Amino acid sequence: MPSGHMKETIKSVAIDLFFKKGYFATSISDLARGSGIQKASIYYHYASKEELLFHILENTMDDLTACLKTNLENVAGVEERMRAAVRSHVRFHLERQKENFIANSELRGLTSEHYQDIVKKRDRYERIFQELIREGSDAGVFAPGDVKILSYAILTLCTAGATWFKPSGRLTIDEIALIYENFIINGLKMGTIDSDASNLKNGRTVPLENKKYNVK
């Protein structure tokens, strides 16, 4: 097998094992056995288990950021851009559940230098959401609030799906993403509902507790 293919095989095996057993409970022997190679051969492709973990986390973060930027292209209006951003984040975390679960649970396995590298990438990603929140607030589309805290709340909420999502569950990824979109947009608007167009145009918000709902 070509070297590049084996490197990807090891990475794929590592993702499965780190997801199922955890990074610290997975040994080099486990990785070699799953990849169908000798233990010593792992080190031809990765200098250490930690380097393999970093490679997974770095690739995941880079792909997440690229996905977000692609999904924001040619989208007009801050509300639609925020919807696209939330949808992108949720879909990515559910479609690549294992990698994202690892990325959020195994950071402690990185060296200090690699940890800082990932944190810097996360900071750049978070700033995209922060700019959307700030833009929406300045335009009067979203209610005023602490931009950083709101971005942390949104991303923490949207990331959590990687811990509980089941592909065989009753809702599709798109259906789950839409629920997240509506929940977050309504929250950013201080609990207003899209159907209350007249209230929104007049700059008035309607508290959720004053709404009437049909619950079946």
C-alpha atoms as a PDB file:
ATOM      1  CA  MET A   1       0.000   0.000   0.000  1.00  0.00           C
ATOM      2  CA  PRO A   2       1.375   3.484  -0.895  1.00  0.00           C
ATOM      3  CA  SER A   3       2.658   5.506   2.065  1.00  0.00           C
ATOM      4  CA  GLY A   4      -0.025   8.179   1.708  1.00  0.00           C
ATOM      5  CA  HIS A   5      -2.802   5.599   1.739  1.00  0.00           C
ATOM      6  CA  MET A   6      -1.431   3.912   4.853  1.00  0.00           C
ATOM      7  CA  LYS A   7      -1.168   7.258   6.624  1.00  0.00           C
ATOM      8  CA  GLU A   8      -4.870   7.863   5.936  1.00  0.00           C
ATOM      9  CA  THR A   9      -5.687   4.318   7.059  1.00  0.00           C
ATOM     10  CA  ILE A  10      -3.920   4.890  10.376  1.00  0.00           C
ATOM     11  CA  LYS A  11      -5.752   8.186  10.787  1.00  0.00           C
ATOM     12  CA  SER A  12      -9.116   6.549  10.082  1.00  0.00           C
ATOM     13  CA  VAL A  13      -8.413   3.736  12.552  1.00  0.00           C
ATOM     14  CA  ALA A  14      -7.287   6.285  15.145  1.00  0.00           C
ATOM     15  CA  ILE A  15     -10.507   8.277  14.763  1.00  0.00           C
ATOM     16  CA  ASP A  16     -12.583   5.143  15.377  1.00  0.00           C
ATOM     17  CA  LEU A  17     -10.509   4.055  18.370  1.00  0.00           C
ATOM     18  CA  PHE A  18     -10.184   7.495  19.970  1.00  0.00           C
ATOM     19  CA  PHE A  19     -13.955   7.889  19.630  1.00  0.00           C
ATOM     20  CA  LYS A  20     -14.756   4.483  21.122  1.00  0.00           C
ATOM     21  CA  LYS A  21     -12.002   4.066  23.728  1.00  0.00           C
ATOM     22  CA  GLY A  22     -10.554   7.532  24.215  1.00  0.00           C
ATOM     23  CA  TYR A  23      -7.122   8.828  23.270  1.00  0.00           C
ATOM     24  CA  PHE A  24      -5.339   7.791  26.458  1.00  0.00           C
ATOM     25  CA  ALA A  25      -6.837   4.288  26.498  1.00  0.00           C
ATOM     26  CA  THR A  26      -5.772   3.619  22.899  1.00  0.00           C
ATOM     27  CA  SER A  27      -2.288   2.148  22.523  1.00  0.00           C
ATOM     28  CA  ILE A  28       0.108   2.145  19.587  1.00  0.00           C
ATOM     29  CA  SER A  29      -0.471  -1.618  19.457  1.00  0.00           C
ATOM     30  CA  ASP A  30      -4.208  -0.991  19.028  1.00  0.00           C
ATOM     31  CA  LEU A  31      -3.512   1.380  16.163  1.00  0.00           C
ATOM     32  CA  ALA A  32      -1.105  -1.026  14.476  1.00  0.00           C
ATOM     33  CA  ARG A  33      -3.483  -3.962  14.848  1.00  0.00           C
ATOM     34  CA  GLY A  34      -6.380  -1.998  13.416  1.00  0.00           C
ATOM     35  CA  SER A  35      -4.236  -0.781  10.510  1.00  0.00           C
ATOM     36  CA  GLY A  36      -2.869  -4.235   9.743  1.00  0.00           C
ATOM     37  CA  ILE A  37       0.767  -3.257  10.197  1.00  0.00           C
ATOM     38  CA  GLN A  38       3.560  -3.776  12.698  1.00  0.00           C
ATOM     39  CA  LYS A  39       3.742  -1.537  15.731  1.00  0.00           C
ATOM     40  CA  ALA A  40       7.081  -0.041  14.663  1.00  0.00           C
ATOM     41  CA  SER A  41       5.600   0.895  11.270  1.00  0.00           C
ATOM     42  CA  ILE A  42       3.292   3.439  12.879  1.00  0.00           C
ATOM     43  CA  TYR A  43       6.305   5.628  13.586  1.00  0.00           C
ATOM     44  CA  TYR A  44       7.217   5.738   9.898  1.00  0.00           C
ATOM     45  CA  HIS A  45       4.016   7.728   9.315  1.00  0.00           C
ATOM     46  CA  TYR A  46       3.607   9.564  12.639  1.00  0.00           C
ATOM     47  CA  ALA A  47       6.381  10.466  15.075  1.00  0.00           C
ATOM     48  CA  SER A  48       4.117   9.816  18.054  1.00  0.00           C
ATOM     49  CA  LYS A  49       0.534   9.132  19.071  1.00  0.00           C
ATOM     50  CA  GLU A  50       0.288  12.778  20.096  1.00  0.00           C
ATOM     51  CA  GLU A  51       1.298  13.900  16.609  1.00  0.00           C
ATOM     52  CA  LEU A  52      -1.458  11.697  15.196  1.00  0.00           C
ATOM     53  CA  LEU A  53      -3.992  13.315  17.535  1.00  0.00           C
ATOM     54  CA  PHE A  54      -2.789  16.776  16.539  1.00  0.00           C
ATOM     55  CA  HIS A  55      -3.074  15.838  12.854  1.00  0.00           C
ATOM     56  CA  ILE A  56      -6.702  14.800  13.380  1.00  0.00           C
ATOM     57  CA  LEU A  57      -7.605  17.930  15.344  1.00  0.00           C
ATOM     58  CA  GLU A  58      -5.804  20.276  12.969  1.00  0.00           C
ATOM     59  CA  ASN A  59      -7.442  18.783   9.878  1.00  0.00           C
ATOM     60  CA  THR A  60     -10.854  18.856  11.526  1.00  0.00           C
ATOM     61  CA  MET A  61     -10.500  22.510  12.511  1.00  0.00           C
ATOM     62  CA  ASP A  62      -9.225  23.509   9.065  1.00  0.00           C
ATOM     63  CA  ASP A  63     -12.091  21.669   7.353  1.00  0.00           C
ATOM     64  CA  LEU A  64     -14.633  23.210   9.739  1.00  0.00           C
ATOM     65  CA  THR A  65     -13.402  26.719   8.931  1.00  0.00           C
ATOM     66  CA  ALA A  66     -13.309  26.057   5.187  1.00  0.00           C
ATOM     67  CA  CYS A  67     -16.842  24.653   5.341  1.00  0.00           C
ATOM     68  CA  LEU A  68     -18.103  27.760   7.140  1.00  0.00           C
ATOM     69  CA  LYS A  69     -16.492  30.155   4.682  1.00  0.00           C
ATOM     70  CA  THR A  70     -17.877  28.208   1.719  1.00  0.00           C
ATOM     71  CA  ASN A  71     -21.400  28.234   3.165  1.00  0.00           C
ATOM     72  CA  LEU A  72     -21.261  31.993   3.762  1.00  0.00           C
ATOM     73  CA  GLU A  73     -20.308  32.773   0.169  1.00  0.00           C
ATOM     74  CA  ASN A  74     -22.929  34.746  -1.754  1.00  0.00           C
ATOM     75  CA  VAL A  75     -25.323  34.826   1.212  1.00  0.00           C
ATOM     76  CA  ALA A  76     -26.830  38.298   1.686  1.00  0.00           C
ATOM     77  CA  GLY A  77     -28.277  39.757   4.877  1.00  0.00           C
ATOM     78  CA  VAL A  78     -26.951  39.235   8.386  1.00  0.00           C
ATOM     79  CA  GLU A  79     -29.838  37.033   9.528  1.00  0.00           C
ATOM     80  CA  GLU A  80     -29.446  34.699   6.555  1.00  0.00           C
ATOM     81  CA  ARG A  81     -25.697  34.659   7.048  1.00  0.00           C
ATOM     82  CA  MET A  82     -26.117  33.690  10.701  1.00  0.00           C
ATOM     83  CA  ARG A  83     -28.561  30.981   9.684  1.00  0.00           C
ATOM     84  CA  ALA A  84     -26.035  29.693   7.151  1.00  0.00           C
ATOM     85  CA  ALA A  85     -23.276  29.777   9.781  1.00  0.00           C
ATOM     86  CA  VAL A  86     -25.328  27.847  12.335  1.00  0.00           C
ATOM     87  CA  ARG A  87     -26.439  25.346   9.715  1.00  0.00           C
ATOM     88  CA  SER A  88     -22.836  24.854   8.571  1.00  0.00           C
ATOM     89  CA  HIS A  89     -21.589  24.293  12.115  1.00  0.00           C
ATOM     90  CA  VAL A  90     -24.334  21.860  13.078  1.00  0.00           C
ATOM     91  CA  ARG A  91     -24.148  19.856   9.854  1.00  0.00           C
ATOM     92  CA  PHE A  92     -20.368  19.560  10.039  1.00  0.00           C
ATOM     93  CA  HIS A  93     -20.474  18.353  13.645  1.00  0.00           C
ATOM     94  CA  LEU A  94     -23.133  15.737  12.921  1.00  0.00           C
ATOM     95  CA  GLU A  95     -21.715  14.540   9.590  1.00  0.00           C
ATOM     96  CA  ARG A  96     -18.230  14.185  11.073  1.00  0.00           C
ATOM     97  CA  GLN A  97     -19.339  13.274  14.546  1.00  0.00           C
ATOM     98  CA  LYS A  98     -16.373  11.173  15.594  1.00  0.00           C
ATOM     99  CA  GLU A  99     -13.719  13.730  14.677  1.00  0.00           C
ATOM    100  CA  ASN A 100     -15.603  16.548  16.351  1.00  0.00           C
ATOM    101  CA  PHE A 101     -16.217  14.525  19.488  1.00  0.00           C
ATOM    102  CA  ILE A 102     -12.473  13.845  19.678  1.00  0.00           C
ATOM    103  CA  ALA A 103     -11.660  17.494  18.986  1.00  0.00           C
ATOM    104  CA  ASN A 104     -13.699  18.571  21.989  1.00  0.00           C
ATOM    105  CA  SER A 105     -12.803  15.811  24.424  1.00  0.00           C
ATOM    106  CA  GLU A 106      -9.123  15.050  23.823  1.00  0.00           C
ATOM    107  CA  LEU A 107      -7.448  18.464  23.744  1.00  0.00           C
ATOM    108  CA  ARG A 108      -5.678  17.600  26.980  1.00  0.00           C
ATOM    109  CA  GLY A 109      -3.678  14.991  25.069  1.00  0.00           C
ATOM    110  CA  LEU A 110      -1.830  17.656  23.075  1.00  0.00           C
ATOM    111  CA  THR A 111       1.525  19.200  23.890  1.00  0.00           C
ATOM    112  CA  SER A 112       1.408  22.826  25.004  1.00  0.00           C
ATOM    113  CA  GLU A 113       2.613  23.997  21.598  1.00  0.00           C
ATOM    114  CA  HIS A 114       0.056  21.964  19.660  1.00  0.00           C
ATOM    115  CA  TYR A 115      -2.688  22.978  22.088  1.00  0.00           C
ATOM    116  CA  GLN A 116      -1.965  26.641  21.409  1.00  0.00           C
ATOM    117  CA  ASP A 117      -2.018  26.009  17.657  1.00  0.00           C
ATOM    118  CA  ILE A 118      -5.524  24.574  17.887  1.00  0.00           C
ATOM    119  CA  VAL A 119      -6.724  27.352  20.217  1.00  0.00           C
ATOM    120  CA  LYS A 120      -5.537  29.984  17.715  1.00  0.00           C
ATOM    121  CA  LYS A 121      -7.492  28.263  14.942  1.00  0.00           C
ATOM    122  CA  ARG A 122     -10.582  28.123  17.167  1.00  0.00           C
ATOM    123  CA  ASP A 123     -10.221  31.816  18.020  1.00  0.00           C
ATOM    124  CA  ARG A 124     -10.175  32.714  14.321  1.00  0.00           C
ATOM    125  CA  TYR A 125     -13.254  30.579  13.738  1.00  0.00           C
ATOM    126  CA  GLU A 126     -15.114  32.118  16.685  1.00  0.00           C
ATOM    127  CA  ARG A 127     -14.386  35.623  15.382  1.00  0.00           C
ATOM    128  CA  ILE A 128     -16.472  34.895  12.284  1.00  0.00           C
ATOM    129  CA  PHE A 129     -19.504  34.281  14.502  1.00  0.00           C
ATOM    130  CA  GLN A 130     -18.652  37.283  16.655  1.00  0.00           C
ATOM    131  CA  GLU A 131     -18.563  39.553  13.615  1.00  0.00           C
ATOM    132  CA  LEU A 132     -21.962  38.263  12.499  1.00  0.00           C
ATOM    133  CA  ILE A 133     -23.437  38.929  15.950  1.00  0.00           C
ATOM    134  CA  ARG A 134     -21.900  42.401  16.063  1.00  0.00           C
ATOM    135  CA  GLU A 135     -23.109  43.209  12.550  1.00  0.00           C
ATOM    136  CA  GLY A 136     -26.622  42.039  13.381  1.00  0.00           C
ATOM    137  CA  SER A 137     -26.699  44.037  16.594  1.00  0.00           C
ATOM    138  CA  ASP A 138     -25.422  47.202  14.888  1.00  0.00           C
ATOM    139  CA  ALA A 139     -28.089  46.814  12.203  1.00  0.00           C
ATOM    140  CA  GLY A 140     -30.854  46.362  14.770  1.00  0.00           C
ATOM    141  CA  VAL A 141     -31.588  42.832  13.571  1.00  0.00           C
ATOM    142  CA  PHE A 142     -30.275  41.234  16.771  1.00  0.00           C
ATOM    143  CA  ALA A 143     -30.666  42.574  20.283  1.00  0.00           C
ATOM    144  CA  PRO A 144     -27.590  44.112  21.925  1.00  0.00           C
ATOM    145  CA  GLY A 145     -25.464  41.750  24.007  1.00  0.00           C
ATOM    146  CA  ASP A 146     -21.967  40.641  24.885  1.00  0.00           C
ATOM    147  CA  VAL A 147     -20.649  39.442  21.536  1.00  0.00           C
ATOM    148  CA  LYS A 148     -18.061  37.027  22.940  1.00  0.00           C
ATOM    149  CA  ILE A 149     -20.404  35.397  25.429  1.00  0.00           C
ATOM    150  CA  LEU A 150     -23.123  35.052  22.804  1.00  0.00           C
ATOM    151  CA  SER A 151     -20.679  33.438  20.377  1.00  0.00           C
ATOM    152  CA  TYR A 152     -19.542  30.987  23.058  1.00  0.00           C
ATOM    153  CA  ALA A 153     -23.161  30.138  23.864  1.00  0.00           C
ATOM    154  CA  ILE A 154     -24.047  29.539  20.211  1.00  0.00           C
ATOM    155  CA  LEU A 155     -20.990  27.431  19.441  1.00  0.00           C
ATOM    156  CA  THR A 156     -21.221  25.384  22.630  1.00  0.00           C
ATOM    157  CA  LEU A 157     -24.867  24.619  21.891  1.00  0.00           C
ATOM    158  CA  CYS A 158     -24.236  23.727  18.242  1.00  0.00           C
ATOM    159  CA  THR A 159     -21.165  21.633  19.035  1.00  0.00           C
ATOM    160  CA  ALA A 160     -22.984  19.493  21.610  1.00  0.00           C
ATOM    161  CA  GLY A 161     -24.777  17.524  18.907  1.00  0.00           C
ATOM    162  CA  ALA A 162     -21.602  15.536  18.317  1.00  0.00           C
ATOM    163  CA  THR A 163     -22.055  13.945  21.756  1.00  0.00           C
ATOM    164  CA  TRP A 164     -25.653  12.730  21.369  1.00  0.00           C
ATOM    165  CA  PHE A 165     -26.460  12.452  17.649  1.00  0.00           C
ATOM    166  CA  LYS A 166     -27.518   9.047  16.345  1.00  0.00           C
ATOM    167  CA  PRO A 167     -27.645   8.612  12.548  1.00  0.00           C
ATOM    168  CA  SER A 168     -30.517   6.161  13.031  1.00  0.00           C
ATOM    169  CA  GLY A 169     -32.528   8.683  15.074  1.00  0.00           C
ATOM    170  CA  ARG A 170     -35.940  10.078  14.170  1.00  0.00           C
ATOM    171  CA  LEU A 171     -34.680  13.393  12.728  1.00  0.00           C
ATOM    172  CA  THR A 172     -32.394  14.012   9.761  1.00  0.00           C
ATOM    173  CA  ILE A 173     -29.335  16.228  10.001  1.00  0.00           C
ATOM    174  CA  ASP A 174     -31.127  18.973   8.046  1.00  0.00           C
ATOM    175  CA  GLU A 175     -34.137  18.822  10.370  1.00  0.00           C
ATOM    176  CA  ILE A 176     -31.898  19.121  13.426  1.00  0.00           C
ATOM    177  CA  ALA A 177     -29.972  22.011  11.850  1.00  0.00           C
ATOM    178  CA  LEU A 178     -33.220  23.892  11.188  1.00  0.00           C
ATOM    179  CA  ILE A 179     -34.278  23.521  14.833  1.00  0.00           C
ATOM    180  CA  TYR A 180     -30.933  24.978  15.907  1.00  0.00           C
ATOM    181  CA  GLU A 181     -31.229  27.811  13.376  1.00  0.00           C
ATOM    182  CA  ASN A 182     -34.650  28.907  14.565  1.00  0.00           C
ATOM    183  CA  PHE A 183     -33.766  28.579  18.240  1.00  0.00           C
ATOM    184  CA  ILE A 184     -30.625  30.685  17.908  1.00  0.00           C
ATOM    185  CA  ILE A 185     -32.115  33.346  15.646  1.00  0.00           C
ATOM    186  CA  ASN A 186     -35.108  33.738  17.968  1.00  0.00           C
ATOM    187  CA  GLY A 187     -32.735  34.042  20.917  1.00  0.00           C
ATOM    188  CA  LEU A 188     -30.617  36.678  19.186  1.00  0.00           C
ATOM    189  CA  LYS A 189     -33.800  38.629  18.498  1.00  0.00           C
ATOM    190  CA  MET A 190     -34.704  38.513  22.186  1.00  0.00           C
ATOM    191  CA  GLY A 191     -37.395  35.860  21.794  1.00  0.00           C
ATOM    192  CA  THR A 192     -39.256  37.278  18.810  1.00  0.00           C
ATOM    193  CA  ILE A 193     -40.920  34.993  16.293  1.00  0.00           C
ATOM    194  CA  ASP A 194     -40.500  35.484  12.547  1.00  0.00           C
ATOM    195  CA  SER A 195     -44.246  35.480  11.903  1.00  0.00           C
ATOM    196  CA  ASP A 196     -44.645  38.702  13.930  1.00  0.00           C
ATOM    197  CA  ALA A 197     -43.458  40.825  11.033  1.00  0.00           C
ATOM    198  CA  SER A 198     -45.421  43.899  12.042  1.00  0.00           C
ATOM    199  CA  ASN A 199     -43.907  43.910  15.517  1.00  0.00           C
ATOM    200  CA  LEU A 200     -40.401  43.500  14.130  1.00  0.00           C
ATOM    201  CA  LYS A 201     -40.863  46.307  11.602  1.00  0.00           C
ATOM    202  CA  ASN A 202     -42.014  48.619  14.358  1.00  0.00           C
ATOM    203  CA  GLY A 203     -39.031  47.701  16.488  1.00  0.00           C
ATOM    204  CA  ARG A 204     -41.118  45.903  19.105  1.00  0.00           C
ATOM    205  CA  THR A 205     -40.348  42.478  20.516  1.00  0.00           C
ATOM    206  CA  VAL A 206     -42.924  40.053  21.829  1.00  0.00           C
ATOM    207  CA  PRO A 207     -41.796  37.952  24.829  1.00  0.00           C
ATOM    208  CA  LEU A 208     -42.171  34.232  24.355  1.00  0.00           C
ATOM    209  CA  GLU A 209     -44.321  33.967  27.465  1.00  0.00           C
ATOM    210  CA  ASN A 210     -47.003  36.104  25.745  1.00  0.00           C
ATOM    211  CA  LYS A 211     -47.253  33.723  22.799  1.00  0.00           C
ATOM    212  CA  LYS A 212     -50.007  31.172  22.281  1.00  0.00           C
ATOM    213  CA  TYR A 213     -49.042  27.760  20.996  1.00  0.00           C
ATOM    214  CA  ASN A 214     -50.954  24.682  19.906  1.00  0.00           C
ATOM    215  CA  VAL A 215     -49.311  21.698  21.528  1.00  0.00           C
ATOM    216  CA  LYS A 216     -50.367  18.303  20.189  1.00  0.00           C
END
